[in-house]
């Protein structure tokens, strides 16, 4: 992602609380975390939900994101 080498983790998330009547509690979505490495700071977190919760899809990228991947 963003053209830099790194690690990607894709996880399933669920809505646990909602004030949006179209986005029901229990709706499943996906979070993709990207952690860059080799001294390049270009991490991101992306949330994707099905149509009922589409308004809550977000991408966070840049200085507000700092994903850490431990060395093996």
PDB file of N, CA and C in Angstrom:
ATOM      1  N   UNK A   1       0.843  -1.176   0.000  1.00  0.00           N
ATOM      2  CA  UNK A   1       0.000   0.000   0.000  1.00  0.00           C
ATOM      3  C   UNK A   1       0.889   1.239   0.000  1.00  0.00           C
ATOM      4  N   UNK A   2       0.483   2.256  -0.645  1.00  0.00           N
ATOM      5  CA  UNK A   2       1.196   3.526  -0.740  1.00  0.00           C
ATOM      6  C   UNK A   2       2.561   3.372  -1.403  1.00  0.00           C
ATOM      7  N   UNK A   3       2.859   2.220  -2.016  1.00  0.00           N
ATOM      8  CA  UNK A   3       4.099   2.049  -2.763  1.00  0.00           C
ATOM      9  C   UNK A   3       5.315   1.712  -1.936  1.00  0.00           C
ATOM     10  N   UNK A   4       5.159   1.443  -0.651  1.00  0.00           N
ATOM     11  CA  UNK A   4       6.289   1.099   0.210  1.00  0.00           C
ATOM     12  C   UNK A   4       6.172  -0.340   0.676  1.00  0.00           C
ATOM     13  N   UNK A   5       7.300  -1.047   0.869  1.00  0.00           N
ATOM     14  CA  UNK A   5       7.224  -2.403   1.408  1.00  0.00           C
ATOM     15  C   UNK A   5       6.750  -2.371   2.856  1.00  0.00           C
ATOM     16  N   UNK A   6       6.071  -3.431   3.251  1.00  0.00           N
ATOM     17  CA  UNK A   6       5.592  -3.484   4.628  1.00  0.00           C
ATOM     18  C   UNK A   6       4.796  -4.737   4.909  1.00  0.00           C
ATOM     19  N   UNK A   7       4.090  -4.719   6.008  1.00  0.00           N
ATOM     20  CA  UNK A   7       3.271  -5.846   6.450  1.00  0.00           C
ATOM     21  C   UNK A   7       1.802  -5.444   6.408  1.00  0.00           C
ATOM     22  N   UNK A   8       0.956  -6.390   6.013  1.00  0.00           N
ATOM     23  CA  UNK A   8      -0.478  -6.148   5.961  1.00  0.00           C
ATOM     24  C   UNK A   8      -1.178  -7.164   6.854  1.00  0.00           C
ATOM     25  N   UNK A   9      -2.102  -6.677   7.660  1.00  0.00           N
ATOM     26  CA  UNK A   9      -2.923  -7.557   8.486  1.00  0.00           C
ATOM     27  C   UNK A   9      -4.382  -7.208   8.207  1.00  0.00           C
ATOM     28  N   UNK A  10      -5.186  -8.216   7.853  1.00  0.00           N
ATOM     29  CA  UNK A  10      -6.612  -8.022   7.600  1.00  0.00           C
ATOM     30  C   UNK A  10      -7.385  -8.743   8.687  1.00  0.00           C
ATOM     31  N   UNK A  11      -8.274  -8.008   9.352  1.00  0.00           N
ATOM     32  CA  UNK A  11      -9.039  -8.595  10.446  1.00  0.00           C
ATOM     33  C   UNK A  11     -10.527  -8.289  10.266  1.00  0.00           C
ATOM     34  N   UNK A  12     -11.360  -9.154  10.825  1.00  0.00           N
ATOM     35  CA  UNK A  12     -12.808  -8.963  10.819  1.00  0.00           C
ATOM     36  C   UNK A  12     -13.185  -8.178  12.068  1.00  0.00           C
ATOM     37  N   UNK A  13     -14.040  -7.170  11.895  1.00  0.00           N
ATOM     38  CA  UNK A  13     -14.527  -6.375  13.020  1.00  0.00           C
ATOM     39  C   UNK A  13     -16.046  -6.425  13.036  1.00  0.00           C
ATOM     40  N   UNK A  14     -16.648  -6.134  14.176  1.00  0.00           N
ATOM     41  CA  UNK A  14     -18.109  -6.088  14.317  1.00  0.00           C
ATOM     42  C   UNK A  14     -18.513  -4.778  14.968  1.00  0.00           C
ATOM     43  N   UNK A  15     -19.658  -4.269  14.542  1.00  0.00           N
ATOM     44  CA  UNK A  15     -20.226  -3.074  15.167  1.00  0.00           C
ATOM     45  C   UNK A  15     -20.748  -3.492  16.539  1.00  0.00           C
ATOM     46  N   UNK A  16     -20.263  -2.847  17.595  1.00  0.00           N
ATOM     47  CA  UNK A  16     -20.696  -3.201  18.957  1.00  0.00           C
ATOM     48  C   UNK A  16     -21.653  -2.179  19.545  1.00  0.00           C
ATOM     49  N   UNK A  17     -21.691  -0.987  18.957  1.00  0.00           N
ATOM     50  CA  UNK A  17     -22.584   0.062  19.412  1.00  0.00           C
ATOM     51  C   UNK A  17     -22.827   0.989  18.231  1.00  0.00           C
ATOM     52  N   UNK A  18     -24.062   1.474  18.082  1.00  0.00           N
ATOM     53  CA  UNK A  18     -24.356   2.317  16.931  1.00  0.00           C
ATOM     54  C   UNK A  18     -25.479   3.302  17.230  1.00  0.00           C
ATOM     55  N   UNK A  19     -25.312   4.535  16.762  1.00  0.00           N
ATOM     56  CA  UNK A  19     -26.385   5.531  16.809  1.00  0.00           C
ATOM     57  C   UNK A  19     -26.960   5.745  15.414  1.00  0.00           C
ATOM     58  N   UNK A  20     -26.463   4.998  14.441  1.00  0.00           N
ATOM     59  CA  UNK A  20     -26.933   5.062  13.051  1.00  0.00           C
ATOM     60  C   UNK A  20     -28.000   3.986  12.863  1.00  0.00           C
ATOM     61  N   UNK A  21     -29.263   4.351  12.648  1.00  0.00           N
ATOM     62  CA  UNK A  21     -30.329   3.350  12.534  1.00  0.00           C
ATOM     63  C   UNK A  21     -30.147   2.387  11.364  1.00  0.00           C
ATOM     64  N   UNK A  22     -29.377   2.774  10.350  1.00  0.00           N
ATOM     65  CA  UNK A  22     -29.135   1.876   9.210  1.00  0.00           C
ATOM     66  C   UNK A  22     -28.023   0.878   9.487  1.00  0.00           C
ATOM     67  N   UNK A  23     -27.174   1.174  10.446  1.00  0.00           N
ATOM     68  CA  UNK A  23     -25.999   0.339  10.731  1.00  0.00           C
ATOM     69  C   UNK A  23     -26.231  -0.429  12.035  1.00  0.00           C
ATOM     70  N   UNK A  24     -26.685  -1.650  11.896  1.00  0.00           N
ATOM     71  CA  UNK A  24     -27.085  -2.455  13.060  1.00  0.00           C
ATOM     72  C   UNK A  24     -25.896  -2.996  13.848  1.00  0.00           C
ATOM     73  N   UNK A  25     -26.086  -3.111  15.145  1.00  0.00           N
ATOM     74  CA  UNK A  25     -25.103  -3.771  16.000  1.00  0.00           C
ATOM     75  C   UNK A  25     -24.952  -5.205  15.513  1.00  0.00           C
ATOM     76  N   UNK A  26     -23.727  -5.672  15.446  1.00  0.00           N
ATOM     77  CA  UNK A  26     -23.440  -7.024  14.982  1.00  0.00           C
ATOM     78  C   UNK A  26     -23.010  -7.084  13.522  1.00  0.00           C
ATOM     79  N   UNK A  27     -23.166  -5.966  12.787  1.00  0.00           N
ATOM     80  CA  UNK A  27     -22.740  -5.945  11.385  1.00  0.00           C
ATOM     81  C   UNK A  27     -21.239  -6.172  11.304  1.00  0.00           C
ATOM     82  N   UNK A  28     -20.851  -7.064  10.403  1.00  0.00           N
ATOM     83  CA  UNK A  28     -19.432  -7.373  10.231  1.00  0.00           C
ATOM     84  C   UNK A  28     -18.795  -6.450   9.207  1.00  0.00           C
ATOM     85  N   UNK A  29     -17.568  -6.094   9.469  1.00  0.00           N
ATOM     86  CA  UNK A  29     -16.784  -5.280   8.555  1.00  0.00           C
ATOM     87  C   UNK A  29     -15.360  -5.800   8.527  1.00  0.00           C
ATOM     88  N   UNK A  30     -14.488  -5.039   7.890  1.00  0.00           N
ATOM     89  CA  UNK A  30     -13.099  -5.465   7.753  1.00  0.00           C
ATOM     90  C   UNK A  30     -12.190  -4.285   8.066  1.00  0.00           C
ATOM     91  N   UNK A  31     -11.117  -4.553   8.769  1.00  0.00           N
ATOM     92  CA  UNK A  31     -10.078  -3.554   9.014  1.00  0.00           C
ATOM     93  C   UNK A  31      -8.783  -4.075   8.401  1.00  0.00           C
ATOM     94  N   UNK A  32      -8.127  -3.231   7.627  1.00  0.00           N
ATOM     95  CA  UNK A  32      -6.841  -3.585   7.030  1.00  0.00           C
ATOM     96  C   UNK A  32      -5.793  -2.647   7.604  1.00  0.00           C
ATOM     97  N   UNK A  33      -4.793  -3.231   8.254  1.00  0.00           N
ATOM     98  CA  UNK A  33      -3.705  -2.461   8.843  1.00  0.00           C
ATOM     99  C   UNK A  33      -2.458  -2.672   8.001  1.00  0.00           C
ATOM    100  N   UNK A  34      -1.810  -1.593   7.625  1.00  0.00           N
ATOM    101  CA  UNK A  34      -0.570  -1.661   6.867  1.00  0.00           C
ATOM    102  C   UNK A  34       0.521  -0.996   7.686  1.00  0.00           C
ATOM    103  N   UNK A  35       1.613  -1.707   7.908  1.00  0.00           N
ATOM    104  CA  UNK A  35       2.760  -1.176   8.645  1.00  0.00           C
ATOM    105  C   UNK A  35       3.964  -1.184   7.709  1.00  0.00           C
ATOM    106  N   UNK A  36       4.457  -0.010   7.368  1.00  0.00           N
ATOM    107  CA  UNK A  36       5.630   0.092   6.501  1.00  0.00           C
ATOM    108  C   UNK A  36       6.891  -0.181   7.308  1.00  0.00           C
ATOM    109  N   UNK A  37       7.972  -0.428   6.618  1.00  0.00           N
ATOM    110  CA  UNK A  37       9.240  -0.647   7.303  1.00  0.00           C
ATOM    111  C   UNK A  37      10.386  -0.083   6.476  1.00  0.00           C
ATOM    112  N   UNK A  38      11.622  -0.363   6.903  1.00  0.00           N
ATOM    113  CA  UNK A  38      12.844   0.167   6.282  1.00  0.00           C
ATOM    114  C   UNK A  38      12.937   1.682   6.431  1.00  0.00           C
ATOM    115  N   UNK A  39      12.485   2.204   7.558  1.00  0.00           N
ATOM    116  CA  UNK A  39      12.625   3.616   7.841  1.00  0.00           C
ATOM    117  C   UNK A  39      11.596   4.518   7.180  1.00  0.00           C
ATOM    118  N   UNK A  40      10.698   3.944   6.393  1.00  0.00           N
ATOM    119  CA  UNK A  40       9.659   4.734   5.732  1.00  0.00           C
ATOM    120  C   UNK A  40       8.425   4.729   6.622  1.00  0.00           C
ATOM    121  N   UNK A  41       7.898   5.896   6.969  1.00  0.00           N
ATOM    122  CA  UNK A  41       6.717   5.980   7.825  1.00  0.00           C
ATOM    123  C   UNK A  41       5.516   6.281   6.949  1.00  0.00           C
ATOM    124  N   UNK A  42       4.800   5.231   6.548  1.00  0.00           N
ATOM    125  CA  UNK A  42       3.619   5.409   5.700  1.00  0.00           C
ATOM    126  C   UNK A  42       2.571   4.369   6.084  1.00  0.00           C
ATOM    127  N   UNK A  43       2.203   4.327   7.358  1.00  0.00           N
ATOM    128  CA  UNK A  43       1.256   3.336   7.862  1.00  0.00           C
ATOM    129  C   UNK A  43      -0.177   3.769   7.586  1.00  0.00           C
ATOM    130  N   UNK A  44      -1.077   2.782   7.609  1.00  0.00           N
ATOM    131  CA  UNK A  44      -2.487   3.112   7.389  1.00  0.00           C
ATOM    132  C   UNK A  44      -3.396   2.092   8.063  1.00  0.00           C
ATOM    133  N   UNK A  45      -4.616   2.525   8.334  1.00  0.00           N
ATOM    134  CA  UNK A  45      -5.689   1.660   8.822  1.00  0.00           C
ATOM    135  C   UNK A  45      -6.919   2.002   7.983  1.00  0.00           C
ATOM    136  N   UNK A  46      -7.552   0.976   7.406  1.00  0.00           N
ATOM    137  CA  UNK A  46      -8.731   1.191   6.578  1.00  0.00           C
ATOM    138  C   UNK A  46      -9.875   0.336   7.100  1.00  0.00           C
ATOM    139  N   UNK A  47     -11.038   0.949   7.309  1.00  0.00           N
ATOM    140  CA  UNK A  47     -12.239   0.250   7.740  1.00  0.00           C
ATOM    141  C   UNK A  47     -13.221   0.186   6.581  1.00  0.00           C
ATOM    142  N   UNK A  48     -13.750  -1.015   6.296  1.00  0.00           N
ATOM    143  CA  UNK A  48     -14.736  -1.216   5.227  1.00  0.00           C
ATOM    144  C   UNK A  48     -15.914  -1.980   5.806  1.00  0.00           C
ATOM    145  N   UNK A  49     -17.128  -1.506   5.480  1.00  0.00           N
ATOM    146  CA  UNK A  49     -18.355  -2.133   5.953  1.00  0.00           C
ATOM    147  C   UNK A  49     -19.303  -2.362   4.783  1.00  0.00           C
ATOM    148  N   UNK A  50     -20.280  -3.261   4.943  1.00  0.00           N
ATOM    149  CA  UNK A  50     -21.259  -3.465   3.885  1.00  0.00           C
ATOM    150  C   UNK A  50     -22.149  -2.228   3.704  1.00  0.00           C
ATOM    151  N   UNK A  51     -23.024  -2.278   2.710  1.00  0.00           N
ATOM    152  CA  UNK A  51     -23.815  -1.114   2.284  1.00  0.00           C
ATOM    153  C   UNK A  51     -24.521  -0.376   3.419  1.00  0.00           C
ATOM    154  N   UNK A  52     -25.121  -1.087   4.367  1.00  0.00           N
ATOM    155  CA  UNK A  52     -25.876  -0.439   5.446  1.00  0.00           C
ATOM    156  C   UNK A  52     -24.988   0.460   6.316  1.00  0.00           C
ATOM    157  N   UNK A  53     -23.722   0.137   6.418  1.00  0.00           N
ATOM    158  CA  UNK A  53     -22.794   0.894   7.256  1.00  0.00           C
ATOM    159  C   UNK A  53     -21.733   1.618   6.424  1.00  0.00           C
ATOM    160  N   UNK A  54     -21.949   1.747   5.143  1.00  0.00           N
ATOM    161  CA  UNK A  54     -20.961   2.326   4.218  1.00  0.00           C
ATOM    162  C   UNK A  54     -20.488   3.718   4.642  1.00  0.00           C
ATOM    163  N   UNK A  55     -21.348   4.478   5.295  1.00  0.00           N
ATOM    164  CA  UNK A  55     -20.974   5.828   5.741  1.00  0.00           C
ATOM    165  C   UNK A  55     -19.839   5.807   6.772  1.00  0.00           C
ATOM    166  N   UNK A  56     -19.547   4.641   7.303  1.00  0.00           N
ATOM    167  CA  UNK A  56     -18.528   4.523   8.345  1.00  0.00           C
ATOM    168  C   UNK A  56     -17.225   3.931   7.827  1.00  0.00           C
ATOM    169  N   UNK A  57     -17.101   3.804   6.509  1.00  0.00           N
ATOM    170  CA  UNK A  57     -15.829   3.414   5.910  1.00  0.00           C
ATOM    171  C   UNK A  57     -14.860   4.588   6.072  1.00  0.00           C
ATOM    172  N   UNK A  58     -13.676   4.305   6.574  1.00  0.00           N
ATOM    173  CA  UNK A  58     -12.685   5.367   6.777  1.00  0.00           C
ATOM    174  C   UNK A  58     -11.295   4.836   6.476  1.00  0.00           C
ATOM    175  N   UNK A  59     -10.419   5.722   6.049  1.00  0.00           N
ATOM    176  CA  UNK A  59      -8.997   5.412   5.888  1.00  0.00           C
ATOM    177  C   UNK A  59      -8.225   6.432   6.715  1.00  0.00           C
ATOM    178  N   UNK A  60      -7.354   5.929   7.572  1.00  0.00           N
ATOM    179  CA  UNK A  60      -6.465   6.783   8.354  1.00  0.00           C
ATOM    180  C   UNK A  60      -5.050   6.520   7.852  1.00  0.00           C
ATOM    181  N   UNK A  61      -4.352   7.586   7.473  1.00  0.00           N
ATOM    182  CA  UNK A  61      -3.035   7.437   6.868  1.00  0.00           C
ATOM    183  C   UNK A  61      -2.207   8.669   7.198  1.00  0.00           C
ATOM    184  N   UNK A  62      -0.953   8.454   7.406  1.00  0.00           N
ATOM    185  CA  UNK A  62      -0.078   9.599   7.657  1.00  0.00           C
ATOM    186  C   UNK A  62       0.397   9.636   9.089  1.00  0.00           C
ATOM    187  N   UNK A  63       0.647  10.848   9.579  1.00  0.00           N
ATOM    188  CA  UNK A  63       1.276  11.003  10.892  1.00  0.00           C
ATOM    189  C   UNK A  63       0.392  10.540  12.042  1.00  0.00           C
ATOM    190  N   UNK A  64      -0.939  10.451  11.841  1.00  0.00           N
ATOM    191  CA  UNK A  64      -1.798  10.016  12.942  1.00  0.00           C
ATOM    192  C   UNK A  64      -1.796   8.496  13.128  1.00  0.00           C
ATOM    193  N   UNK A  65      -1.140   7.755  12.227  1.00  0.00           N
ATOM    194  CA  UNK A  65      -1.108   6.289  12.308  1.00  0.00           C
ATOM    195  C   UNK A  65       0.325   5.834  12.507  1.00  0.00           C
ATOM    196  N   UNK A  66       0.530   4.963  13.502  1.00  0.00           N
ATOM    197  CA  UNK A  66       1.853   4.389  13.750  1.00  0.00           C
ATOM    198  C   UNK A  66       1.672   2.934  14.118  1.00  0.00           C
ATOM    199  N   UNK A  67       1.585   2.067  13.123  1.00  0.00           N
ATOM    200  CA  UNK A  67       1.463   0.618  13.354  1.00  0.00           C
ATOM    201  C   UNK A  67       2.851   0.057  13.658  1.00  0.00           C
ATOM    202  N   UNK A  68       2.940  -0.778  14.646  1.00  0.00           N
ATOM    203  CA  UNK A  68       4.198  -1.372  15.045  1.00  0.00           C
ATOM    204  C   UNK A  68       4.171  -2.877  14.789  1.00  0.00           C
ATOM    205  N   UNK A  69       5.172  -3.360  14.111  1.00  0.00           N
ATOM    206  CA  UNK A  69       5.320  -4.795  13.833  1.00  0.00           C
ATOM    207  C   UNK A  69       6.574  -5.274  14.533  1.00  0.00           C
ATOM    208  N   UNK A  70       6.441  -6.220  15.477  1.00  0.00           N
ATOM    209  CA  UNK A  70       7.633  -6.687  16.176  1.00  0.00           C
ATOM    210  C   UNK A  70       8.520  -7.535  15.253  1.00  0.00           C
ATOM    211  N   UNK A  71       9.826  -7.486  15.453  1.00  0.00           N
ATOM    212  CA  UNK A  71      10.722  -8.319  14.642  1.00  0.00           C
ATOM    213  C   UNK A  71      10.538  -9.787  14.986  1.00  0.00           C
ATOM    214  N   UNK A  72      10.833 -10.641  14.030  1.00  0.00           N
ATOM    215  CA  UNK A  72      10.736 -12.089  14.267  1.00  0.00           C
ATOM    216  C   UNK A  72      11.915 -12.597  15.038  1.00  0.00           C
TER     217      UNK A  72
END
